[in-house]
């Protein structure tokens, strides 16, 4: 998808949202993302948070430890509005 197509699709998505709360969240997210340089989040993490993320990443490498996406969707279908 080209940049122009992405922008057009994003505009259509925003135009289709009637919930002011969701629109406000999108707006805040985009403002933060636009002003955040790559890698800034990692630099704000504590040593314990970094260690935890690295451990999670390592654990995700073993597919036997993972829960199938369908199982999570089924378990949380009400919260996900499925």
PDB file of N, CA and C in Angstrom:
ATOM      1  N   UNK A   1       0.844  -1.171   0.000  1.00  0.00           N
ATOM      2  CA  UNK A   1       0.000   0.000   0.000  1.00  0.00           C
ATOM      3  C   UNK A   1       0.896   1.244   0.000  1.00  0.00           C
ATOM      4  N   UNK A   2       0.568   2.200  -0.827  1.00  0.00           N
ATOM      5  CA  UNK A   2       1.374   3.420  -0.909  1.00  0.00           C
ATOM      6  C   UNK A   2       1.047   4.349   0.258  1.00  0.00           C
ATOM      7  N   UNK A   3       1.884   5.340   0.454  1.00  0.00           N
ATOM      8  CA  UNK A   3       1.652   6.327   1.506  1.00  0.00           C
ATOM      9  C   UNK A   3       0.323   7.036   1.280  1.00  0.00           C
ATOM     10  N   UNK A   4       0.043   7.393   0.049  1.00  0.00           N
ATOM     11  CA  UNK A   4      -1.218   8.072  -0.266  1.00  0.00           C
ATOM     12  C   UNK A   4      -2.420   7.180   0.043  1.00  0.00           C
ATOM     13  N   UNK A   5      -2.318   5.904  -0.308  1.00  0.00           N
ATOM     14  CA  UNK A   5      -3.411   4.970  -0.007  1.00  0.00           C
ATOM     15  C   UNK A   5      -3.594   4.815   1.502  1.00  0.00           C
ATOM     16  N   UNK A   6      -2.495   4.712   2.227  1.00  0.00           N
ATOM     17  CA  UNK A   6      -2.577   4.612   3.684  1.00  0.00           C
ATOM     18  C   UNK A   6      -3.261   5.826   4.286  1.00  0.00           C
ATOM     19  N   UNK A   7      -2.859   7.004   3.828  1.00  0.00           N
ATOM     20  CA  UNK A   7      -3.461   8.240   4.349  1.00  0.00           C
ATOM     21  C   UNK A   7      -4.957   8.282   4.032  1.00  0.00           C
ATOM     22  N   UNK A   8      -5.316   7.942   2.805  1.00  0.00           N
ATOM     23  CA  UNK A   8      -6.734   7.947   2.430  1.00  0.00           C
ATOM     24  C   UNK A   8      -7.529   6.946   3.263  1.00  0.00           C
ATOM     25  N   UNK A   9      -6.983   5.743   3.430  1.00  0.00           N
ATOM     26  CA  UNK A   9      -7.663   4.725   4.238  1.00  0.00           C
ATOM     27  C   UNK A   9      -7.795   5.168   5.689  1.00  0.00           C
ATOM     28  N   UNK A  10      -6.749   5.804   6.196  1.00  0.00           N
ATOM     29  CA  UNK A  10      -6.791   6.274   7.573  1.00  0.00           C
ATOM     30  C   UNK A  10      -7.852   7.366   7.728  1.00  0.00           C
ATOM     31  N   UNK A  11      -7.930   8.268   6.768  1.00  0.00           N
ATOM     32  CA  UNK A  11      -8.956   9.319   6.807  1.00  0.00           C
ATOM     33  C   UNK A  11     -10.362   8.717   6.776  1.00  0.00           C
ATOM     34  N   UNK A  12     -10.556   7.715   5.921  1.00  0.00           N
ATOM     35  CA  UNK A  12     -11.863   7.054   5.849  1.00  0.00           C
ATOM     36  C   UNK A  12     -12.193   6.356   7.168  1.00  0.00           C
ATOM     37  N   UNK A  13     -11.205   5.725   7.759  1.00  0.00           N
ATOM     38  CA  UNK A  13     -11.413   5.062   9.045  1.00  0.00           C
ATOM     39  C   UNK A  13     -11.838   6.071  10.103  1.00  0.00           C
ATOM     40  N   UNK A  14     -11.128   7.168  10.187  1.00  0.00           N
ATOM     41  CA  UNK A  14     -11.456   8.202  11.169  1.00  0.00           C
ATOM     42  C   UNK A  14     -12.848   8.764  10.906  1.00  0.00           C
ATOM     43  N   UNK A  15     -13.157   9.022   9.644  1.00  0.00           N
ATOM     44  CA  UNK A  15     -14.473   9.564   9.289  1.00  0.00           C
ATOM     45  C   UNK A  15     -15.611   8.617   9.671  1.00  0.00           C
ATOM     46  N   UNK A  16     -15.328   7.332   9.729  1.00  0.00           N
ATOM     47  CA  UNK A  16     -16.374   6.354  10.035  1.00  0.00           C
ATOM     48  C   UNK A  16     -16.589   6.157  11.541  1.00  0.00           C
ATOM     49  N   UNK A  17     -15.718   6.716  12.368  1.00  0.00           N
ATOM     50  CA  UNK A  17     -15.822   6.536  13.827  1.00  0.00           C
ATOM     51  C   UNK A  17     -16.711   7.634  14.402  1.00  0.00           C
ATOM     52  N   UNK A  18     -17.750   7.226  15.105  1.00  0.00           N
ATOM     53  CA  UNK A  18     -18.682   8.174  15.715  1.00  0.00           C
ATOM     54  C   UNK A  18     -18.421   8.367  17.213  1.00  0.00           C
ATOM     55  N   UNK A  19     -17.658   7.463  17.802  1.00  0.00           N
ATOM     56  CA  UNK A  19     -17.393   7.501  19.233  1.00  0.00           C
ATOM     57  C   UNK A  19     -16.319   8.552  19.534  1.00  0.00           C
ATOM     58  N   UNK A  20     -16.717   9.611  20.240  1.00  0.00           N
ATOM     59  CA  UNK A  20     -15.790  10.704  20.529  1.00  0.00           C
ATOM     60  C   UNK A  20     -14.607  10.250  21.390  1.00  0.00           C
ATOM     61  N   UNK A  21     -14.860   9.308  22.282  1.00  0.00           N
ATOM     62  CA  UNK A  21     -13.798   8.764  23.142  1.00  0.00           C
ATOM     63  C   UNK A  21     -12.694   8.113  22.301  1.00  0.00           C
ATOM     64  N   UNK A  22     -13.105   7.291  21.346  1.00  0.00           N
ATOM     65  CA  UNK A  22     -12.143   6.612  20.480  1.00  0.00           C
ATOM     66  C   UNK A  22     -11.387   7.623  19.636  1.00  0.00           C
ATOM     67  N   UNK A  23     -12.091   8.603  19.106  1.00  0.00           N
ATOM     68  CA  UNK A  23     -11.438   9.641  18.310  1.00  0.00           C
ATOM     69  C   UNK A  23     -10.395  10.396  19.138  1.00  0.00           C
ATOM     70  N   UNK A  24     -10.733  10.703  20.374  1.00  0.00           N
ATOM     71  CA  UNK A  24      -9.791  11.403  21.259  1.00  0.00           C
ATOM     72  C   UNK A  24      -8.546  10.557  21.499  1.00  0.00           C
ATOM     73  N   UNK A  25      -8.739   9.255  21.709  1.00  0.00           N
ATOM     74  CA  UNK A  25      -7.604   8.350  21.929  1.00  0.00           C
ATOM     75  C   UNK A  25      -6.714   8.277  20.688  1.00  0.00           C
ATOM     76  N   UNK A  26      -7.336   8.158  19.504  1.00  0.00           N
ATOM     77  CA  UNK A  26      -6.569   8.162  18.256  1.00  0.00           C
ATOM     78  C   UNK A  26      -5.751   9.440  18.133  1.00  0.00           C
ATOM     79  N   UNK A  27      -6.404  10.547  18.409  1.00  0.00           N
ATOM     80  CA  UNK A  27      -5.745  11.845  18.286  1.00  0.00           C
ATOM     81  C   UNK A  27      -4.533  11.930  19.214  1.00  0.00           C
ATOM     82  N   UNK A  28      -4.722  11.543  20.473  1.00  0.00           N
ATOM     83  CA  UNK A  28      -3.631  11.586  21.449  1.00  0.00           C
ATOM     84  C   UNK A  28      -2.500  10.646  21.051  1.00  0.00           C
ATOM     85  N   UNK A  29      -2.858   9.462  20.580  1.00  0.00           N
ATOM     86  CA  UNK A  29      -1.856   8.494  20.140  1.00  0.00           C
ATOM     87  C   UNK A  29      -1.036   9.043  18.976  1.00  0.00           C
ATOM     88  N   UNK A  30      -1.707   9.611  18.013  1.00  0.00           N
ATOM     89  CA  UNK A  30      -1.004  10.150  16.846  1.00  0.00           C
ATOM     90  C   UNK A  30      -0.110  11.327  17.225  1.00  0.00           C
ATOM     91  N   UNK A  31      -0.568  12.175  18.134  1.00  0.00           N
ATOM     92  CA  UNK A  31       0.264  13.288  18.594  1.00  0.00           C
ATOM     93  C   UNK A  31       1.534  12.779  19.272  1.00  0.00           C
ATOM     94  N   UNK A  32       1.353  11.792  20.157  1.00  0.00           N
ATOM     95  CA  UNK A  32       2.521  11.227  20.858  1.00  0.00           C
ATOM     96  C   UNK A  32       3.465  10.562  19.881  1.00  0.00           C
ATOM     97  N   UNK A  33       2.914   9.788  18.963  1.00  0.00           N
ATOM     98  CA  UNK A  33       3.739   9.044  18.002  1.00  0.00           C
ATOM     99  C   UNK A  33       4.517   9.997  17.101  1.00  0.00           C
ATOM    100  N   UNK A  34       3.889  11.073  16.696  1.00  0.00           N
ATOM    101  CA  UNK A  34       4.537  12.032  15.803  1.00  0.00           C
ATOM    102  C   UNK A  34       5.721  12.716  16.485  1.00  0.00           C
ATOM    103  N   UNK A  35       5.626  12.910  17.797  1.00  0.00           N
ATOM    104  CA  UNK A  35       6.688  13.623  18.500  1.00  0.00           C
ATOM    105  C   UNK A  35       7.702  12.693  19.169  1.00  0.00           C
ATOM    106  N   UNK A  36       7.519  11.380  19.053  1.00  0.00           N
ATOM    107  CA  UNK A  36       8.420  10.417  19.689  1.00  0.00           C
ATOM    108  C   UNK A  36       9.416   9.886  18.666  1.00  0.00           C
ATOM    109  N   UNK A  37      10.682  10.006  18.982  1.00  0.00           N
ATOM    110  CA  UNK A  37      11.717   9.456  18.101  1.00  0.00           C
ATOM    111  C   UNK A  37      11.851   7.960  18.359  1.00  0.00           C
ATOM    112  N   UNK A  38      12.307   7.223  17.343  1.00  0.00           N
ATOM    113  CA  UNK A  38      12.529   5.785  17.487  1.00  0.00           C
ATOM    114  C   UNK A  38      13.499   5.515  18.630  1.00  0.00           C
ATOM    115  N   UNK A  39      13.187   4.524  19.441  1.00  0.00           N
ATOM    116  CA  UNK A  39      14.075   4.112  20.521  1.00  0.00           C
ATOM    117  C   UNK A  39      13.872   4.854  21.829  1.00  0.00           C
ATOM    118  N   UNK A  40      13.043   5.888  21.843  1.00  0.00           N
ATOM    119  CA  UNK A  40      12.856   6.657  23.073  1.00  0.00           C
ATOM    120  C   UNK A  40      12.181   5.835  24.159  1.00  0.00           C
ATOM    121  N   UNK A  41      11.232   4.996  23.786  1.00  0.00           N
ATOM    122  CA  UNK A  41      10.529   4.188  24.775  1.00  0.00           C
ATOM    123  C   UNK A  41      11.504   3.253  25.480  1.00  0.00           C
ATOM    124  N   UNK A  42      12.337   2.582  24.718  1.00  0.00           N
ATOM    125  CA  UNK A  42      13.309   1.653  25.300  1.00  0.00           C
ATOM    126  C   UNK A  42      14.193   2.387  26.322  1.00  0.00           C
ATOM    127  N   UNK A  43      14.582   3.583  26.010  1.00  0.00           N
ATOM    128  CA  UNK A  43      15.436   4.368  26.898  1.00  0.00           C
ATOM    129  C   UNK A  43      14.758   4.780  28.195  1.00  0.00           C
ATOM    130  N   UNK A  44      13.418   4.778  28.216  1.00  0.00           N
ATOM    131  CA  UNK A  44      12.681   5.152  29.431  1.00  0.00           C
ATOM    132  C   UNK A  44      12.378   3.961  30.323  1.00  0.00           C
ATOM    133  N   UNK A  45      12.675   2.761  29.860  1.00  0.00           N
ATOM    134  CA  UNK A  45      12.388   1.562  30.660  1.00  0.00           C
ATOM    135  C   UNK A  45      13.424   1.373  31.754  1.00  0.00           C
ATOM    136  N   UNK A  46      12.959   0.818  32.878  1.00  0.00           N
ATOM    137  CA  UNK A  46      13.889   0.477  33.957  1.00  0.00           C
ATOM    138  C   UNK A  46      14.625  -0.815  33.584  1.00  0.00           C
ATOM    139  N   UNK A  47      15.680  -1.129  34.338  1.00  0.00           N
ATOM    140  CA  UNK A  47      16.423  -2.370  34.091  1.00  0.00           C
ATOM    141  C   UNK A  47      15.499  -3.583  34.241  1.00  0.00           C
ATOM    142  N   UNK A  48      14.630  -3.567  35.261  1.00  0.00           N
ATOM    143  CA  UNK A  48      13.701  -4.682  35.470  1.00  0.00           C
ATOM    144  C   UNK A  48      12.728  -4.833  34.301  1.00  0.00           C
ATOM    145  N   UNK A  49      12.241  -3.708  33.767  1.00  0.00           N
ATOM    146  CA  UNK A  49      11.319  -3.766  32.628  1.00  0.00           C
ATOM    147  C   UNK A  49      12.014  -4.310  31.380  1.00  0.00           C
ATOM    148  N   UNK A  50      13.250  -3.895  31.173  1.00  0.00           N
ATOM    149  CA  UNK A  50      14.025  -4.397  30.028  1.00  0.00           C
ATOM    150  C   UNK A  50      14.257  -5.893  30.173  1.00  0.00           C
ATOM    151  N   UNK A  51      14.653  -6.316  31.371  1.00  0.00           N
ATOM    152  CA  UNK A  51      14.880  -7.741  31.621  1.00  0.00           C
ATOM    153  C   UNK A  51      13.614  -8.556  31.376  1.00  0.00           C
ATOM    154  N   UNK A  52      12.477  -8.025  31.825  1.00  0.00           N
ATOM    155  CA  UNK A  52      11.201  -8.720  31.637  1.00  0.00           C
ATOM    156  C   UNK A  52      10.853  -8.839  30.149  1.00  0.00           C
ATOM    157  N   UNK A  53      11.043  -7.767  29.398  1.00  0.00           N
ATOM    158  CA  UNK A  53      10.759  -7.816  27.963  1.00  0.00           C
ATOM    159  C   UNK A  53      11.669  -8.795  27.234  1.00  0.00           C
ATOM    160  N   UNK A  54      12.923  -8.811  27.598  1.00  0.00           N
ATOM    161  CA  UNK A  54      13.850  -9.749  26.972  1.00  0.00           C
ATOM    162  C   UNK A  54      13.476 -11.187  27.293  1.00  0.00           C
ATOM    163  N   UNK A  55      13.039 -11.427  28.523  1.00  0.00           N
ATOM    164  CA  UNK A  55      12.602 -12.766  28.920  1.00  0.00           C
ATOM    165  C   UNK A  55      11.350 -13.180  28.138  1.00  0.00           C
ATOM    166  N   UNK A  56      10.393 -12.280  28.033  1.00  0.00           N
ATOM    167  CA  UNK A  56       9.172 -12.564  27.277  1.00  0.00           C
ATOM    168  C   UNK A  56       9.517 -12.878  25.823  1.00  0.00           C
ATOM    169  N   UNK A  57      10.397 -12.088  25.249  1.00  0.00           N
ATOM    170  CA  UNK A  57      10.810 -12.328  23.863  1.00  0.00           C
ATOM    171  C   UNK A  57      11.429 -13.713  23.715  1.00  0.00           C
ATOM    172  N   UNK A  58      12.265 -14.090  24.662  1.00  0.00           N
ATOM    173  CA  UNK A  58      12.903 -15.407  24.646  1.00  0.00           C
ATOM    174  C   UNK A  58      11.857 -16.518  24.753  1.00  0.00           C
ATOM    175  N   UNK A  59      10.888 -16.338  25.659  1.00  0.00           N
ATOM    176  CA  UNK A  59       9.857 -17.353  25.853  1.00  0.00           C
ATOM    177  C   UNK A  59       8.976 -17.504  24.621  1.00  0.00           C
ATOM    178  N   UNK A  60       8.798 -16.437  23.877  1.00  0.00           N
ATOM    179  CA  UNK A  60       7.963 -16.481  22.667  1.00  0.00           C
ATOM    180  C   UNK A  60       8.618 -17.268  21.539  1.00  0.00           C
ATOM    181  N   UNK A  61       9.897 -17.491  21.634  1.00  0.00           N
ATOM    182  CA  UNK A  61      10.605 -18.242  20.605  1.00  0.00           C
ATOM    183  C   UNK A  61      10.184 -19.711  20.600  1.00  0.00           C
ATOM    184  N   UNK A  62       9.712 -20.227  21.744  1.00  0.00           N
ATOM    185  CA  UNK A  62       9.285 -21.620  21.854  1.00  0.00           C
ATOM    186  C   UNK A  62       7.783 -21.685  21.592  1.00  0.00           C
ATOM    187  N   UNK A  63       7.385 -22.193  20.449  1.00  0.00           N
ATOM    188  CA  UNK A  63       5.971 -22.209  20.067  1.00  0.00           C
ATOM    189  C   UNK A  63       5.115 -23.064  21.005  1.00  0.00           C
ATOM    190  N   UNK A  64       5.731 -23.979  21.728  1.00  0.00           N
ATOM    191  CA  UNK A  64       4.970 -24.813  22.673  1.00  0.00           C
ATOM    192  C   UNK A  64       4.453 -23.989  23.848  1.00  0.00           C
ATOM    193  N   UNK A  65       5.102 -22.857  24.123  1.00  0.00           N
ATOM    194  CA  UNK A  65       4.686 -21.997  25.233  1.00  0.00           C
ATOM    195  C   UNK A  65       3.576 -21.023  24.845  1.00  0.00           C
ATOM    196  N   UNK A  66       3.283 -20.941  23.561  1.00  0.00           N
ATOM    197  CA  UNK A  66       2.315 -19.963  23.080  1.00  0.00           C
ATOM    198  C   UNK A  66       0.895 -20.511  23.097  1.00  0.00           C
ATOM    199  N   UNK A  67      -0.062 -19.610  23.318  1.00  0.00           N
ATOM    200  CA  UNK A  67      -1.482 -19.956  23.290  1.00  0.00           C
ATOM    201  C   UNK A  67      -2.005 -19.559  21.915  1.00  0.00           C
ATOM    202  N   UNK A  68      -2.687 -20.464  21.217  1.00  0.00           N
ATOM    203  CA  UNK A  68      -3.213 -20.123  19.892  1.00  0.00           C
ATOM    204  C   UNK A  68      -4.124 -18.893  19.929  1.00  0.00           C
ATOM    205  N   UNK A  69      -4.015 -18.078  18.911  1.00  0.00           N
ATOM    206  CA  UNK A  69      -4.786 -16.835  18.801  1.00  0.00           C
ATOM    207  C   UNK A  69      -6.287 -17.095  18.931  1.00  0.00           C
ATOM    208  N   UNK A  70      -6.761 -18.166  18.323  1.00  0.00           N
ATOM    209  CA  UNK A  70      -8.180 -18.508  18.369  1.00  0.00           C
ATOM    210  C   UNK A  70      -8.641 -18.744  19.809  1.00  0.00           C
ATOM    211  N   UNK A  71      -7.788 -19.375  20.616  1.00  0.00           N
ATOM    212  CA  UNK A  71      -8.143 -19.627  22.017  1.00  0.00           C
ATOM    213  C   UNK A  71      -8.306 -18.318  22.792  1.00  0.00           C
ATOM    214  N   UNK A  72      -7.415 -17.382  22.542  1.00  0.00           N
ATOM    215  CA  UNK A  72      -7.489 -16.084  23.219  1.00  0.00           C
ATOM    216  C   UNK A  72      -8.735 -15.336  22.760  1.00  0.00           C
ATOM    217  N   UNK A  73      -9.011 -15.370  21.470  1.00  0.00           N
ATOM    218  CA  UNK A  73     -10.210 -14.700  20.958  1.00  0.00           C
ATOM    219  C   UNK A  73     -11.469 -15.291  21.584  1.00  0.00           C
ATOM    220  N   UNK A  74     -11.525 -16.599  21.665  1.00  0.00           N
ATOM    221  CA  UNK A  74     -12.698 -17.261  22.230  1.00  0.00           C
ATOM    222  C   UNK A  74     -12.843 -16.904  23.700  1.00  0.00           C
ATOM    223  N   UNK A  75     -11.755 -16.926  24.423  1.00  0.00           N
ATOM    224  CA  UNK A  75     -11.792 -16.647  25.862  1.00  0.00           C
ATOM    225  C   UNK A  75     -12.220 -15.201  26.139  1.00  0.00           C
ATOM    226  N   UNK A  76     -11.811 -14.284  25.276  1.00  0.00           N
ATOM    227  CA  UNK A  76     -12.066 -12.858  25.510  1.00  0.00           C
ATOM    228  C   UNK A  76     -12.999 -12.248  24.463  1.00  0.00           C
ATOM    229  N   UNK A  77     -13.854 -13.079  23.875  1.00  0.00           N
ATOM    230  CA  UNK A  77     -14.708 -12.597  22.783  1.00  0.00           C
ATOM    231  C   UNK A  77     -15.620 -11.458  23.225  1.00  0.00           C
ATOM    232  N   UNK A  78     -16.096 -11.478  24.445  1.00  0.00           N
ATOM    233  CA  UNK A  78     -16.981 -10.409  24.920  1.00  0.00           C
ATOM    234  C   UNK A  78     -16.232  -9.074  24.978  1.00  0.00           C
ATOM    235  N   UNK A  79     -15.022  -9.081  25.525  1.00  0.00           N
ATOM    236  CA  UNK A  79     -14.234  -7.862  25.634  1.00  0.00           C
ATOM    237  C   UNK A  79     -13.786  -7.360  24.270  1.00  0.00           C
ATOM    238  N   UNK A  80     -13.583  -8.286  23.326  1.00  0.00           N
ATOM    239  CA  UNK A  80     -13.118  -7.922  21.988  1.00  0.00           C
ATOM    240  C   UNK A  80     -14.282  -7.591  21.055  1.00  0.00           C
ATOM    241  N   UNK A  81     -15.503  -7.694  21.550  1.00  0.00           N
ATOM    242  CA  UNK A  81     -16.710  -7.423  20.741  1.00  0.00           C
ATOM    243  C   UNK A  81     -16.755  -8.291  19.493  1.00  0.00           C
ATOM    244  N   UNK A  82     -16.460  -9.582  19.667  1.00  0.00           N
ATOM    245  CA  UNK A  82     -16.487 -10.519  18.530  1.00  0.00           C
ATOM    246  C   UNK A  82     -17.814 -11.244  18.473  1.00  0.00           C
TER     247      UNK A  82
END
